[in-house]
C-alpha atoms as a PDB file:
ATOM      1  CA  MET A   1      35.617  20.233  28.375  1.00  0.00           C
ATOM      2  CA  ASP A   2      33.514  22.053  30.775  1.00  0.00           C
ATOM      3  CA  GLY A   3      30.949  23.056  28.123  1.00  0.00           C
ATOM      4  CA  MET A   4      30.291  19.413  27.291  1.00  0.00           C
ATOM      5  CA  GLN A   5      27.108  17.815  28.663  1.00  0.00           C
ATOM      6  CA  ALA A   6      25.036  14.721  28.852  1.00  0.00           C
ATOM      7  CA  TYR A   7      21.382  14.905  28.525  1.00  0.00           C
ATOM      8  CA  GLY A   8      21.459  18.642  29.383  1.00  0.00           C
ATOM      9  CA  ALA A   9      23.738  18.636  32.368  1.00  0.00           C
ATOM     10  CA  GLY A  10      27.420  18.679  32.803  1.00  0.00           C
ATOM     11  CA  LYS A  11      29.690  15.946  34.656  1.00  0.00           C
ATOM     12  CA  ALA A  12      28.521  14.980  38.062  1.00  0.00           C
ATOM     13  CA  GLY A  13      29.933  16.450  41.179  1.00  0.00           C
ATOM     14  CA  GLY A  14      29.613  20.252  40.343  1.00  0.00           C
ATOM     15  CA  ASP A  15      28.179  22.657  42.561  1.00  0.00           C
ATOM     16  CA  PHE A  16      24.347  23.329  42.486  1.00  0.00           C
ATOM     17  CA  ASP A  17      23.652  26.938  41.616  1.00  0.00           C
ATOM     18  CA  PRO A  18      19.928  27.686  42.562  1.00  0.00           C
ATOM     19  CA  VAL A  19      19.964  30.959  40.572  1.00  0.00           C
ATOM     20  CA  THR A  20      21.055  29.509  37.401  1.00  0.00           C
ATOM     21  CA  PHE A  21      18.771  26.448  37.910  1.00  0.00           C
ATOM     22  CA  PHE A  22      15.587  28.397  38.439  1.00  0.00           C
ATOM     23  CA  GLN A  23      16.440  30.495  35.260  1.00  0.00           C
ATOM     24  CA  GLN A  24      16.094  27.238  33.191  1.00  0.00           C
ATOM     25  CA  PRO A  25      12.931  26.819  30.955  1.00  0.00           C
ATOM     26  CA  HIS A  26      12.178  23.360  32.432  1.00  0.00           C
ATOM     27  CA  ALA A  27      12.506  24.477  36.026  1.00  0.00           C
ATOM     28  CA  ILE A  28      10.213  27.476  35.397  1.00  0.00           C
ATOM     29  CA  LEU A  29       7.706  25.163  33.749  1.00  0.00           C
ATOM     30  CA  ARG A  30       7.709  22.731  36.790  1.00  0.00           C
ATOM     31  CA  ILE A  31       6.940  25.635  39.194  1.00  0.00           C
ATOM     32  CA  VAL A  32       4.068  26.818  36.702  1.00  0.00           C
ATOM     33  CA  ASN A  33       2.635  23.484  36.478  1.00  0.00           C
ATOM     34  CA  TRP A  34       2.631  23.020  40.204  1.00  0.00           C
ATOM     35  CA  LEU A  35       0.738  26.393  40.627  1.00  0.00           C
ATOM     36  CA  PHE A  36      -1.840  25.485  38.099  1.00  0.00           C
ATOM     37  CA  SER A  37      -2.466  22.146  39.676  1.00  0.00           C
ATOM     38  CA  LEU A  38      -2.687  23.675  43.033  1.00  0.00           C
ATOM     39  CA  VAL A  39      -5.227  26.216  41.814  1.00  0.00           C
ATOM     40  CA  ILE A  40      -7.467  23.589  40.047  1.00  0.00           C
ATOM     41  CA  PHE A  41      -7.202  21.173  43.059  1.00  0.00           C
ATOM     42  CA  GLY A  42      -8.155  24.020  45.553  1.00  0.00           C
ATOM     43  CA  CYS A  43     -10.936  25.473  43.394  1.00  0.00           C
ATOM     44  CA  ILE A  44     -12.761  22.125  43.034  1.00  0.00           C
ATOM     45  CA  ALA A  45     -12.098  20.779  46.518  1.00  0.00           C
ATOM     46  CA  ASN A  46     -13.281  23.969  48.120  1.00  0.00           C
ATOM     47  CA  GLU A  47     -16.004  25.303  45.889  1.00  0.00           C
ATOM     48  CA  GLY A  48     -16.770  22.598  43.485  1.00  0.00           C
ATOM     49  CA  TYR A  49     -19.545  21.121  45.520  1.00  0.00           C
ATOM     50  CA  THR A  50     -22.601  23.048  46.728  1.00  0.00           C
ATOM     51  CA  ASN A  51     -26.069  22.511  48.279  1.00  0.00           C
ATOM     52  CA  LYS A  52     -29.480  23.408  46.955  1.00  0.00           C
ATOM     53  CA  PRO A  53     -31.689  25.241  49.497  1.00  0.00           C
ATOM     54  CA  SER A  54     -34.188  22.390  49.621  1.00  0.00           C
ATOM     55  CA  GLU A  55     -31.578  19.580  49.978  1.00  0.00           C
ATOM     56  CA  GLU A  56     -28.818  18.826  52.479  1.00  0.00           C
ATOM     57  CA  ARG A  57     -26.730  16.658  50.218  1.00  0.00           C
ATOM     58  CA  GLU A  58     -23.905  18.162  48.172  1.00  0.00           C
ATOM     59  CA  PHE A  59     -23.705  17.841  44.402  1.00  0.00           C
ATOM     60  CA  CYS A  60     -20.997  18.812  41.759  1.00  0.00           C
ATOM     61  CA  ILE A  61     -21.439  22.313  40.244  1.00  0.00           C
ATOM     62  CA  PHE A  62     -20.486  20.771  36.865  1.00  0.00           C
ATOM     63  CA  ASN A  63     -23.998  19.626  35.778  1.00  0.00           C
ATOM     64  CA  GLN A  64     -24.376  17.587  38.999  1.00  0.00           C
ATOM     65  CA  ASN A  65     -21.859  15.292  37.517  1.00  0.00           C
ATOM     66  CA  ALA A  66     -19.812  13.918  40.469  1.00  0.00           C
ATOM     67  CA  SER A  67     -17.241  12.220  38.080  1.00  0.00           C
ATOM     68  CA  ALA A  68     -16.238  15.751  36.564  1.00  0.00           C
ATOM     69  CA  CYS A  69     -15.541  17.061  40.021  1.00  0.00           C
ATOM     70  CA  SER A  70     -13.690  13.894  41.144  1.00  0.00           C
ATOM     71  CA  TYR A  71     -11.709  13.785  37.832  1.00  0.00           C
ATOM     72  CA  ALA A  72     -10.492  17.552  38.467  1.00  0.00           C
ATOM     73  CA  VAL A  73      -9.603  16.845  42.003  1.00  0.00           C
ATOM     74  CA  PHE A  74      -7.645  13.743  41.158  1.00  0.00           C
ATOM     75  CA  MET A  75      -5.861  15.328  38.347  1.00  0.00           C
ATOM     76  CA  GLY A  76      -4.999  18.382  40.324  1.00  0.00           C
ATOM     77  CA  PHE A  77      -3.521  16.340  43.307  1.00  0.00           C
ATOM     78  CA  MET A  78      -1.628  13.896  41.075  1.00  0.00           C
ATOM     79  CA  CYS A  79      -0.091  16.603  38.995  1.00  0.00           C
ATOM     80  CA  LEU A  80       0.769  18.626  41.969  1.00  0.00           C
ATOM     81  CA  LEU A  81       2.869  15.473  43.171  1.00  0.00           C
ATOM     82  CA  SER A  82       4.210  14.921  39.758  1.00  0.00           C
ATOM     83  CA  ALA A  83       5.493  18.384  39.417  1.00  0.00           C
ATOM     84  CA  SER A  84       7.012  18.307  42.872  1.00  0.00           C
ATOM     85  CA  ALA A  85       8.716  15.048  42.041  1.00  0.00           C
ATOM     86  CA  LEU A  86      10.124  16.115  38.677  1.00  0.00           C
ATOM     87  CA  LEU A  87      11.507  19.422  40.169  1.00  0.00           C
ATOM     88  CA  ALA A  88      13.237  17.409  42.893  1.00  0.00           C
ATOM     89  CA  LEU A  89      14.578  15.134  40.117  1.00  0.00           C
ATOM     90  CA  ASP A  90      15.921  18.231  38.232  1.00  0.00           C
ATOM     91  CA  VAL A  91      17.692  19.425  41.280  1.00  0.00           C
ATOM     92  CA  ARG A  92      19.493  16.030  41.637  1.00  0.00           C
ATOM     93  CA  PHE A  93      19.997  15.356  37.856  1.00  0.00           C
ATOM     94  CA  SER A  94      23.392  17.030  37.602  1.00  0.00           C
ATOM     95  CA  GLN A  95      24.575  14.694  40.390  1.00  0.00           C
ATOM     96  CA  ILE A  96      23.634  11.466  38.373  1.00  0.00           C
ATOM     97  CA  SER A  97      27.053  10.167  37.202  1.00  0.00           C
ATOM     98  CA  SER A  98      25.417   7.299  35.010  1.00  0.00           C
ATOM     99  CA  VAL A  99      24.481   7.964  31.561  1.00  0.00           C
ATOM    100  CA  LYS A 100      22.118   5.203  31.649  1.00  0.00           C
ATOM    101  CA  ASN A 101      20.328   6.495  34.599  1.00  0.00           C
ATOM    102  CA  ARG A 102      20.255   9.969  33.102  1.00  0.00           C
ATOM    103  CA  LYS A 103      18.657   8.561  30.052  1.00  0.00           C
ATOM    104  CA  LYS A 104      16.040   6.796  32.091  1.00  0.00           C
ATOM    105  CA  ALA A 105      15.149   9.979  33.929  1.00  0.00           C
ATOM    106  CA  VAL A 106      14.768  12.015  30.739  1.00  0.00           C
ATOM    107  CA  LEU A 107      12.621   9.285  29.161  1.00  0.00           C
ATOM    108  CA  GLY A 108      10.552   9.154  32.302  1.00  0.00           C
ATOM    109  CA  ASP A 109      10.076  12.991  32.195  1.00  0.00           C
ATOM    110  CA  LEU A 110       9.148  12.836  28.513  1.00  0.00           C
ATOM    111  CA  GLY A 111       6.416  10.167  29.026  1.00  0.00           C
ATOM    112  CA  LEU A 112       4.971  11.373  32.202  1.00  0.00           C
ATOM    113  CA  SER A 113       4.678  15.033  30.825  1.00  0.00           C
ATOM    114  CA  ALA A 114       3.073  13.806  27.559  1.00  0.00           C
ATOM    115  CA  PHE A 115       0.659  11.793  29.596  1.00  0.00           C
ATOM    116  CA  TRP A 116      -0.409  14.585  31.770  1.00  0.00           C
ATOM    117  CA  ALA A 117      -0.890  16.846  28.716  1.00  0.00           C
ATOM    118  CA  PHE A 118      -3.329  14.437  27.310  1.00  0.00           C
ATOM    119  CA  MET A 119      -5.098  13.818  30.406  1.00  0.00           C
ATOM    120  CA  TRP A 120      -5.523  17.624  30.816  1.00  0.00           C
ATOM    121  CA  PHE A 121      -6.918  17.932  27.277  1.00  0.00           C
ATOM    122  CA  VAL A 122      -9.526  15.123  28.264  1.00  0.00           C
ATOM    123  CA  GLY A 123     -10.075  17.057  31.563  1.00  0.00           C
ATOM    124  CA  PHE A 124     -10.639  20.436  29.951  1.00  0.00           C
ATOM    125  CA  CYS A 125     -13.131  18.905  27.377  1.00  0.00           C
ATOM    126  CA  LEU A 126     -15.008  17.216  30.266  1.00  0.00           C
ATOM    127  CA  LEU A 127     -15.376  20.178  32.466  1.00  0.00           C
ATOM    128  CA  ALA A 128     -16.022  22.671  29.721  1.00  0.00           C
ATOM    129  CA  ASN A 129     -18.813  20.403  28.414  1.00  0.00           C
ATOM    130  CA  GLN A 130     -20.423  19.727  31.841  1.00  0.00           C
ATOM    131  CA  TRP A 131     -20.180  23.392  32.697  1.00  0.00           C
ATOM    132  CA  GLN A 132     -21.921  24.412  29.405  1.00  0.00           C
ATOM    133  CA  ASN A 133     -24.755  21.968  30.066  1.00  0.00           C
ATOM    134  CA  SER A 134     -25.266  22.963  33.665  1.00  0.00           C
ATOM    135  CA  ARG A 135     -28.721  24.407  34.288  1.00  0.00           C
ATOM    136  CA  PRO A 136     -29.164  27.758  36.324  1.00  0.00           C
ATOM    137  CA  GLU A 137     -31.677  25.966  38.531  1.00  0.00           C
ATOM    138  CA  ASP A 138     -29.097  23.360  39.620  1.00  0.00           C
ATOM    139  CA  ASN A 139     -27.103  26.173  41.164  1.00  0.00           C
ATOM    140  CA  PRO A 140     -29.576  28.731  42.412  1.00  0.00           C
ATOM    141  CA  LEU A 141     -27.141  30.405  44.710  1.00  0.00           C
ATOM    142  CA  LYS A 142     -24.588  30.925  42.070  1.00  0.00           C
ATOM    143  CA  GLU A 143     -21.923  29.338  44.197  1.00  0.00           C
ATOM    144  CA  GLY A 144     -18.770  28.074  42.828  1.00  0.00           C
ATOM    145  CA  GLY A 145     -19.060  29.817  39.325  1.00  0.00           C
ATOM    146  CA  ASP A 146     -15.784  31.585  39.639  1.00  0.00           C
ATOM    147  CA  ALA A 147     -14.033  28.392  40.919  1.00  0.00           C
ATOM    148  CA  ALA A 148     -15.463  26.506  38.001  1.00  0.00           C
ATOM    149  CA  ARG A 149     -14.338  28.895  35.355  1.00  0.00           C
ATOM    150  CA  ALA A 150     -10.995  29.188  36.987  1.00  0.00           C
ATOM    151  CA  ALA A 151     -10.647  25.403  37.012  1.00  0.00           C
ATOM    152  CA  ILE A 152     -11.610  25.170  33.146  1.00  0.00           C
ATOM    153  CA  THR A 153      -9.162  27.985  32.312  1.00  0.00           C
ATOM    154  CA  PHE A 154      -6.266  26.522  34.071  1.00  0.00           C
ATOM    155  CA  SER A 155      -7.002  23.076  32.646  1.00  0.00           C
ATOM    156  CA  PHE A 156      -6.723  24.645  29.249  1.00  0.00           C
ATOM    157  CA  PHE A 157      -3.279  26.191  30.136  1.00  0.00           C
ATOM    158  CA  SER A 158      -2.097  22.882  31.601  1.00  0.00           C
ATOM    159  CA  ILE A 159      -2.428  21.255  28.293  1.00  0.00           C
ATOM    160  CA  PHE A 160       0.232  23.486  26.884  1.00  0.00           C
ATOM    161  CA  THR A 161       2.532  23.850  29.907  1.00  0.00           C
ATOM    162  CA  TRP A 162       2.707  20.042  30.272  1.00  0.00           C
ATOM    163  CA  GLY A 163       3.057  19.715  26.431  1.00  0.00           C
ATOM    164  CA  VAL A 164       6.028  22.159  26.170  1.00  0.00           C
ATOM    165  CA  GLN A 165       7.655  20.265  29.222  1.00  0.00           C
ATOM    166  CA  SER A 166       7.466  17.043  27.236  1.00  0.00           C
ATOM    167  CA  PHE A 167       8.978  18.857  24.256  1.00  0.00           C
ATOM    168  CA  LEU A 168      11.911  20.024  26.268  1.00  0.00           C
ATOM    169  CA  ALA A 169      12.434  16.469  27.753  1.00  0.00           C
ATOM    170  CA  PHE A 170      12.432  15.352  24.108  1.00  0.00           C
ATOM    171  CA  GLN A 171      15.187  17.988  23.257  1.00  0.00           C
ATOM    172  CA  ARG A 172      17.123  16.776  26.251  1.00  0.00           C
ATOM    173  CA  TYR A 173      16.880  13.274  25.062  1.00  0.00           C
ATOM    174  CA  LYS A 174      18.035  14.092  21.536  1.00  0.00           C
ATOM    175  CA  LEU A 175      20.947  16.026  22.960  1.00  0.00           C
ATOM    176  CA  GLY A 176      22.163  12.718  24.427  1.00  0.00           C
ATOM    177  CA  ALA A 177      25.485  12.025  25.988  1.00  0.00           C
ATOM    178  CA  ASP A 178      28.898  13.575  25.051  1.00  0.00           C
ATOM    179  CA  SER A 179      31.071  10.506  24.479  1.00  0.00           C
ATOM    180  CA  ALA A 180      34.178  12.572  24.719  1.00  0.00           C
ATOM    181  CA  ILE A 181      33.514  12.996  28.512  1.00  0.00           C
ATOM    182  CA  PHE A 182      30.911  10.306  29.408  1.00  0.00           C
ATOM    183  CA  SER A 183      32.626   7.341  27.763  1.00  0.00           C
ATOM    184  CA  GLN A 184      31.704   4.088  29.384  1.00  0.00           C
ATOM    185  CA  ASP A 185      34.767   2.291  28.270  1.00  0.00           C
ATOM    186  CA  TYR A 186      38.410   3.071  29.292  1.00  0.00           C
ATOM    187  CA  ALA A 187      41.554   1.932  27.315  1.00  0.00           C
ATOM    188  CA  GLU A 188      45.065   1.919  28.682  1.00  0.00           C
ATOM    189  CA  PRO A 189      47.531   4.275  26.915  1.00  0.00           C
ATOM    190  CA  GLY A 190      49.185   2.633  23.991  1.00  0.00           C
ATOM    191  CA  GLN A 191      46.560  -0.261  23.576  1.00  0.00           C
ATOM    192  CA  ASP A 192      44.909   1.401  20.658  1.00  0.00           C
ATOM    193  CA  ALA A 193      45.614  -0.258  17.385  1.00  0.00           C
ATOM    194  CA  GLY A 194      46.386   2.889  15.526  1.00  0.00           C
ATOM    195  CA  GLN A 195      48.471   4.477  18.360  1.00  0.00           C
ATOM    196  CA  GLY A 196      52.136   5.225  17.566  1.00  0.00           C
ATOM    197  CA  PRO A 197      55.187   4.173  19.511  1.00  0.00           C
ATOM    198  CA  TYR A 198      55.349   4.984  23.134  1.00  0.00           C
ATOM    199  CA  SER A 199      57.097   8.142  24.102  1.00  0.00           C
ATOM    200  CA  ALA A 200      58.188   9.031  27.616  1.00  0.00           C
ATOM    201  CA  PHE A 201      58.745  12.632  27.009  1.00  0.00           C
ATOM    202  CA  PRO A 202      57.377  14.967  24.259  1.00  0.00           C
ATOM    203  CA  GLY A 203      59.659  14.914  21.271  1.00  0.00           C
ATOM    204  CA  ASP A 204      61.485  11.707  22.347  1.00  0.00           C
ATOM    205  CA  THR A 205      61.076   8.534  20.657  1.00  0.00           C
ATOM    206  CA  VAL A 206      62.434   5.088  21.221  1.00  0.00           C
ATOM    207  CA  ASP A 207      62.299   3.542  17.766  1.00  0.00           C
ATOM    208  CA  SER A 208      65.349   1.480  16.553  1.00  0.00           C
ATOM    209  CA  PRO A 209      67.381   3.512  14.073  1.00  0.00           C
ATOM    210  CA  PRO A 210      67.471   2.497  10.571  1.00  0.00           C
ATOM    211  CA  GLY A 211      69.839  -0.355   9.807  1.00  0.00           C
ATOM    212  CA  GLY A 212      69.494  -2.167  13.092  1.00  0.00           C
ATOM    213  CA  PRO A 213      70.878  -1.429  16.671  1.00  0.00           C
ATOM    214  CA  ALA A 214      73.235   1.416  17.256  1.00  0.00           C
ATOM    215  CA  ASP A 215      76.194  -0.862  18.309  1.00  0.00           C
ATOM    216  CA  GLY A 216      75.773  -3.308  15.540  1.00  0.00           C
ATOM    217  CA  THR A 217      75.692  -6.270  17.609  1.00  0.00           C
ATOM    218  CA  GLY A 218      72.249  -7.332  17.004  1.00  0.00           C
ATOM    219  CA  ASP A 219      71.849  -8.326  20.762  1.00  0.00           C
ATOM    220  CA  SER A 220      70.204  -5.071  21.837  1.00  0.00           C
ATOM    221  CA  PRO A 221      66.560  -5.180  22.265  1.00  0.00           C
ATOM    222  CA  VAL A 222      64.533  -3.902  19.343  1.00  0.00           C
ATOM    223  CA  GLY A 223      63.350  -0.358  19.670  1.00  0.00           C
ATOM    224  CA  TYR A 224      66.138   0.581  22.342  1.00  0.00           C
ATOM    225  CA  GLN A 225      68.487   3.489  21.416  1.00  0.00           C
ATOM    226  CA  ARG A 226      71.426   4.169  23.513  1.00  0.00           C
ATOM    227  CA  GLN A 227      71.592   7.703  24.797  1.00  0.00           C
ATOM    228  CA  GLU A 228      75.103   9.367  24.938  1.00  0.00           C
ATOM    229  CA  TYR A 229      75.783  11.728  27.884  1.00  0.00           C
END
């Protein structure tokens, strides 16, 4: 019974084992996504904008396209929050007793992970295109070049890490609930249509013997058998 699970976790109420938890693939991916998002956000926020020697205003190193830098910063920050929230949900997931709530959590993980995988694909295409079209004279001091390349690289990796995370969520959804443990309906013993006669002890029965009651009077309740001591 202990091996049966609902949506990838056992019955609620068990002890949380951090060592076992952080060895699970989806927990490792949460941390990887968190780190990738932090790197992208930090690279663009700190070195994504620079100044020309003749101008005081800042401009985006991605072909002076401010929307490219804004997109990368926004994506990095939002995915940082999402990865943290999903990791916290994983920690609490085994404590969720309702199968319906577990299903909602897994579907939310699936939808959010697939969405961010798509958004990182868009972000990678945007950043790579704008960086390729950037002119050397737009960045004469060569500032932020390493940061731009790092942001593009980790944007590319994030497509796959979030994509794999959505696949693992889909696998958990397919796993579903084990009705043997997580049944939503309870039936009193003896109420099932196909259940046999009630037995108080193993091996004992209270069926009426063939031919009627044991004393032959016909007044004894049906199904009662007198015990001789």
